[in-house]
Amino acid sequence: MNDQCPTCRHYRALREQAKQAGDYSKATDYEVLRRRHPTHAVYVPRQAGGRRA
């Protein structure tokens, strides 16, 4: 986690706001955006047998 990056801090704040509002789907979306942030990309492999949308 990069505490110096303003984009990461912004996504983290939005995630916390969504959690406080009870919107865990949106909170998850913000966490995914933070993790996929271009300068802090994290590869999260798909699990075998996972459902597709």
PDB file of N, CA and C in Angstrom:
ATOM      1  N   MET A   1       0.857  -1.184   0.000  1.00  0.00           N
ATOM      2  CA  MET A   1       0.000   0.000   0.000  1.00  0.00           C
ATOM      3  C   MET A   1       0.895   1.235   0.000  1.00  0.00           C
ATOM      4  N   ASN A   2       0.561   2.188  -0.812  1.00  0.00           N
ATOM      5  CA  ASN A   2       1.371   3.390  -0.940  1.00  0.00           C
ATOM      6  C   ASN A   2       0.618   4.566  -0.315  1.00  0.00           C
ATOM      7  N   ASP A   3       1.059   4.993   0.871  1.00  0.00           N
ATOM      8  CA  ASP A   3       0.399   6.100   1.564  1.00  0.00           C
ATOM      9  C   ASP A   3       0.752   7.453   0.967  1.00  0.00           C
ATOM     10  N   GLN A   4       1.758   7.497   0.094  1.00  0.00           N
ATOM     11  CA  GLN A   4       2.179   8.763  -0.499  1.00  0.00           C
ATOM     12  C   GLN A   4       1.413   9.099  -1.776  1.00  0.00           C
ATOM     13  N   CYS A   5       0.832   8.110  -2.387  1.00  0.00           N
ATOM     14  CA  CYS A   5       0.160   8.307  -3.670  1.00  0.00           C
ATOM     15  C   CYS A   5      -1.231   8.918  -3.455  1.00  0.00           C
ATOM     16  N   PRO A   6      -1.504  10.090  -4.031  1.00  0.00           N
ATOM     17  CA  PRO A   6      -2.808  10.723  -3.847  1.00  0.00           C
ATOM     18  C   PRO A   6      -3.959   9.910  -4.439  1.00  0.00           C
ATOM     19  N   THR A   7      -3.707   9.214  -5.534  1.00  0.00           N
ATOM     20  CA  THR A   7      -4.761   8.397  -6.145  1.00  0.00           C
ATOM     21  C   THR A   7      -5.131   7.238  -5.222  1.00  0.00           C
ATOM     22  N   CYS A   8      -4.122   6.585  -4.653  1.00  0.00           N
ATOM     23  CA  CYS A   8      -4.383   5.485  -3.718  1.00  0.00           C
ATOM     24  C   CYS A   8      -5.148   5.984  -2.495  1.00  0.00           C
ATOM     25  N   ARG A   9      -4.750   7.130  -1.970  1.00  0.00           N
ATOM     26  CA  ARG A   9      -5.450   7.701  -0.802  1.00  0.00           C
ATOM     27  C   ARG A   9      -6.899   8.016  -1.157  1.00  0.00           C
ATOM     28  N   HIS A  10      -7.125   8.527  -2.358  1.00  0.00           N
ATOM     29  CA  HIS A  10      -8.473   8.869  -2.798  1.00  0.00           C
ATOM     30  C   HIS A  10      -9.351   7.620  -2.886  1.00  0.00           C
ATOM     31  N   TYR A  11      -8.830   6.572  -3.539  1.00  0.00           N
ATOM     32  CA  TYR A  11      -9.588   5.321  -3.642  1.00  0.00           C
ATOM     33  C   TYR A  11      -9.846   4.720  -2.256  1.00  0.00           C
ATOM     34  N   ARG A  12      -8.865   4.794  -1.376  1.00  0.00           N
ATOM     35  CA  ARG A  12      -9.039   4.260  -0.028  1.00  0.00           C
ATOM     36  C   ARG A  12     -10.134   5.025   0.714  1.00  0.00           C
ATOM     37  N   ALA A  13     -10.155   6.345   0.582  1.00  0.00           N
ATOM     38  CA  ALA A  13     -11.184   7.156   1.230  1.00  0.00           C
ATOM     39  C   ALA A  13     -12.566   6.838   0.671  1.00  0.00           C
ATOM     40  N   LEU A  14     -12.664   6.691  -0.640  1.00  0.00           N
ATOM     41  CA  LEU A  14     -13.940   6.342  -1.258  1.00  0.00           C
ATOM     42  C   LEU A  14     -14.408   4.953  -0.810  1.00  0.00           C
ATOM     43  N   ARG A  15     -13.462   4.021  -0.682  1.00  0.00           N
ATOM     44  CA  ARG A  15     -13.795   2.677  -0.207  1.00  0.00           C
ATOM     45  C   ARG A  15     -14.373   2.743   1.210  1.00  0.00           C
ATOM     46  N   GLU A  16     -13.743   3.527   2.067  1.00  0.00           N
ATOM     47  CA  GLU A  16     -14.231   3.647   3.445  1.00  0.00           C
ATOM     48  C   GLU A  16     -15.608   4.304   3.496  1.00  0.00           C
ATOM     49  N   GLN A  17     -15.841   5.307   2.654  1.00  0.00           N
ATOM     50  CA  GLN A  17     -17.156   5.942   2.599  1.00  0.00           C
ATOM     51  C   GLN A  17     -18.219   4.937   2.166  1.00  0.00           C
ATOM     52  N   ALA A  18     -17.893   4.131   1.182  1.00  0.00           N
ATOM     53  CA  ALA A  18     -18.843   3.125   0.702  1.00  0.00           C
ATOM     54  C   ALA A  18     -19.134   2.099   1.802  1.00  0.00           C
ATOM     55  N   LYS A  19     -18.104   1.681   2.530  1.00  0.00           N
ATOM     56  CA  LYS A  19     -18.305   0.738   3.632  1.00  0.00           C
ATOM     57  C   LYS A  19     -19.224   1.336   4.691  1.00  0.00           C
ATOM     58  N   GLN A  20     -18.976   2.588   5.038  1.00  0.00           N
ATOM     59  CA  GLN A  20     -19.797   3.257   6.047  1.00  0.00           C
ATOM     60  C   GLN A  20     -21.250   3.357   5.604  1.00  0.00           C
ATOM     61  N   ALA A  21     -21.463   3.472   4.309  1.00  0.00           N
ATOM     62  CA  ALA A  21     -22.814   3.565   3.764  1.00  0.00           C
ATOM     63  C   ALA A  21     -23.447   2.180   3.578  1.00  0.00           C
ATOM     64  N   GLY A  22     -22.664   1.125   3.834  1.00  0.00           N
ATOM     65  CA  GLY A  22     -23.178  -0.229   3.692  1.00  0.00           C
ATOM     66  C   GLY A  22     -23.148  -0.756   2.268  1.00  0.00           C
ATOM     67  N   ASP A  23     -22.448  -0.062   1.374  1.00  0.00           N
ATOM     68  CA  ASP A  23     -22.367  -0.482  -0.029  1.00  0.00           C
ATOM     69  C   ASP A  23     -21.050  -1.225  -0.237  1.00  0.00           C
ATOM     70  N   TYR A  24     -21.056  -2.508   0.133  1.00  0.00           N
ATOM     71  CA  TYR A  24     -19.829  -3.292   0.080  1.00  0.00           C
ATOM     72  C   TYR A  24     -19.414  -3.628  -1.349  1.00  0.00           C
ATOM     73  N   SER A  25     -20.358  -3.654  -2.269  1.00  0.00           N
ATOM     74  CA  SER A  25     -20.025  -3.870  -3.666  1.00  0.00           C
ATOM     75  C   SER A  25     -19.188  -2.699  -4.192  1.00  0.00           C
ATOM     76  N   LYS A  26     -19.621  -1.498  -3.897  1.00  0.00           N
ATOM     77  CA  LYS A  26     -18.878  -0.319  -4.331  1.00  0.00           C
ATOM     78  C   LYS A  26     -17.522  -0.254  -3.617  1.00  0.00           C
ATOM     79  N   ALA A  27     -17.494  -0.626  -2.338  1.00  0.00           N
ATOM     80  CA  ALA A  27     -16.233  -0.634  -1.592  1.00  0.00           C
ATOM     81  C   ALA A  27     -15.233  -1.577  -2.260  1.00  0.00           C
ATOM     82  N   THR A  28     -15.713  -2.731  -2.691  1.00  0.00           N
ATOM     83  CA  THR A  28     -14.858  -3.695  -3.383  1.00  0.00           C
ATOM     84  C   THR A  28     -14.372  -3.119  -4.702  1.00  0.00           C
ATOM     85  N   ASP A  29     -15.256  -2.442  -5.424  1.00  0.00           N
ATOM     86  CA  ASP A  29     -14.864  -1.822  -6.691  1.00  0.00           C
ATOM     87  C   ASP A  29     -13.717  -0.835  -6.484  1.00  0.00           C
ATOM     88  N   TYR A  30     -13.801  -0.008  -5.448  1.00  0.00           N
ATOM     89  CA  TYR A  30     -12.735   0.958  -5.182  1.00  0.00           C
ATOM     90  C   TYR A  30     -11.439   0.270  -4.795  1.00  0.00           C
ATOM     91  N   GLU A  31     -11.525  -0.831  -4.062  1.00  0.00           N
ATOM     92  CA  GLU A  31     -10.314  -1.566  -3.708  1.00  0.00           C
ATOM     93  C   GLU A  31      -9.661  -2.154  -4.953  1.00  0.00           C
ATOM     94  N   VAL A  32     -10.472  -2.666  -5.877  1.00  0.00           N
ATOM     95  CA  VAL A  32      -9.932  -3.196  -7.131  1.00  0.00           C
ATOM     96  C   VAL A  32      -9.256  -2.072  -7.919  1.00  0.00           C
ATOM     97  N   LEU A  33      -9.885  -0.912  -7.993  1.00  0.00           N
ATOM     98  CA  LEU A  33      -9.273   0.219  -8.695  1.00  0.00           C
ATOM     99  C   LEU A  33      -7.946   0.608  -8.053  1.00  0.00           C
ATOM    100  N   ARG A  34      -7.899   0.629  -6.738  1.00  0.00           N
ATOM    101  CA  ARG A  34      -6.655   0.981  -6.048  1.00  0.00           C
ATOM    102  C   ARG A  34      -5.568  -0.040  -6.358  1.00  0.00           C
ATOM    103  N   ARG A  35      -5.921  -1.311  -6.326  1.00  0.00           N
ATOM    104  CA  ARG A  35      -4.925  -2.352  -6.587  1.00  0.00           C
ATOM    105  C   ARG A  35      -4.459  -2.369  -8.035  1.00  0.00           C
ATOM    106  N   ARG A  36      -5.298  -1.934  -8.944  1.00  0.00           N
ATOM    107  CA  ARG A  36      -4.941  -1.918 -10.369  1.00  0.00           C
ATOM    108  C   ARG A  36      -4.350  -0.592 -10.812  1.00  0.00           C
ATOM    109  N   HIS A  37      -4.188   0.323  -9.890  1.00  0.00           N
ATOM    110  CA  HIS A  37      -3.618   1.629 -10.197  1.00  0.00           C
ATOM    111  C   HIS A  37      -2.312   1.412 -10.966  1.00  0.00           C
ATOM    112  N   PRO A  38      -2.128   2.089 -12.094  1.00  0.00           N
ATOM    113  CA  PRO A  38      -0.998   1.810 -12.992  1.00  0.00           C
ATOM    114  C   PRO A  38       0.386   1.761 -12.339  1.00  0.00           C
ATOM    115  N   THR A  39       0.661   2.631 -11.424  1.00  0.00           N
ATOM    116  CA  THR A  39       2.000   2.640 -10.836  1.00  0.00           C
ATOM    117  C   THR A  39       2.123   1.673  -9.664  1.00  0.00           C
ATOM    118  N   HIS A  40       1.035   1.031  -9.300  1.00  0.00           N
ATOM    119  CA  HIS A  40       1.051   0.088  -8.180  1.00  0.00           C
ATOM    120  C   HIS A  40       0.321  -1.185  -8.570  1.00  0.00           C
ATOM    121  N   ALA A  41       0.475  -1.603  -9.827  1.00  0.00           N
ATOM    122  CA  ALA A  41      -0.265  -2.749 -10.332  1.00  0.00           C
ATOM    123  C   ALA A  41       0.058  -4.013  -9.540  1.00  0.00           C
ATOM    124  N   VAL A  42      -0.981  -4.752  -9.229  1.00  0.00           N
ATOM    125  CA  VAL A  42      -0.848  -6.017  -8.525  1.00  0.00           C
ATOM    126  C   VAL A  42      -1.586  -7.059  -9.351  1.00  0.00           C
ATOM    127  N   TYR A  43      -0.916  -8.135  -9.666  1.00  0.00           N
ATOM    128  CA  TYR A  43      -1.554  -9.203 -10.424  1.00  0.00           C
ATOM    129  C   TYR A  43      -2.284 -10.119  -9.458  1.00  0.00           C
ATOM    130  N   VAL A  44      -3.581 -10.260  -9.659  1.00  0.00           N
ATOM    131  CA  VAL A  44      -4.397 -11.150  -8.841  1.00  0.00           C
ATOM    132  C   VAL A  44      -4.899 -12.253  -9.766  1.00  0.00           C
ATOM    133  N   PRO A  45      -4.343 -13.470  -9.620  1.00  0.00           N
ATOM    134  CA  PRO A  45      -4.743 -14.546 -10.526  1.00  0.00           C
ATOM    135  C   PRO A  45      -6.184 -14.968 -10.281  1.00  0.00           C
ATOM    136  N   ARG A  46      -6.843 -15.398 -11.356  1.00  0.00           N
ATOM    137  CA  ARG A  46      -8.213 -15.917 -11.247  1.00  0.00           C
ATOM    138  C   ARG A  46      -8.154 -17.276 -10.593  1.00  0.00           C
ATOM    139  N   GLN A  47      -9.118 -17.571  -9.752  1.00  0.00           N
ATOM    140  CA  GLN A  47      -9.179 -18.868  -9.110  1.00  0.00           C
ATOM    141  C   GLN A  47      -9.839 -19.862 -10.056  1.00  0.00           C
ATOM    142  N   ALA A  48      -9.355 -21.077 -10.049  1.00  0.00           N
ATOM    143  CA  ALA A  48      -9.918 -22.129 -10.897  1.00  0.00           C
ATOM    144  C   ALA A  48     -11.366 -22.372 -10.509  1.00  0.00           C
ATOM    145  N   GLY A  49     -12.212 -22.561 -11.499  1.00  0.00           N
ATOM    146  CA  GLY A  49     -13.621 -22.848 -11.229  1.00  0.00           C
ATOM    147  C   GLY A  49     -14.431 -21.621 -10.868  1.00  0.00           C
ATOM    148  N   GLY A  50     -13.840 -20.445 -10.994  1.00  0.00           N
ATOM    149  CA  GLY A  50     -14.562 -19.223 -10.665  1.00  0.00           C
ATOM    150  C   GLY A  50     -15.674 -18.952 -11.659  1.00  0.00           C
ATOM    151  N   ARG A  51     -16.686 -18.235 -11.208  1.00  0.00           N
ATOM    152  CA  ARG A  51     -17.806 -17.900 -12.089  1.00  0.00           C
ATOM    153  C   ARG A  51     -17.436 -16.737 -12.978  1.00  0.00           C
ATOM    154  N   ARG A  52     -18.005 -16.730 -14.149  1.00  0.00           N
ATOM    155  CA  ARG A  52     -17.813 -15.617 -15.076  1.00  0.00           C
ATOM    156  C   ARG A  52     -19.092 -14.829 -15.159  1.00  0.00           C
ATOM    157  N   ALA A  53     -18.944 -13.521 -15.299  1.00  0.00           N
ATOM    158  CA  ALA A  53     -20.127 -12.654 -15.389  1.00  0.00           C
ATOM    159  C   ALA A  53     -20.738 -12.718 -16.753  1.00  0.00           C
TER     160      ALA A  53
END
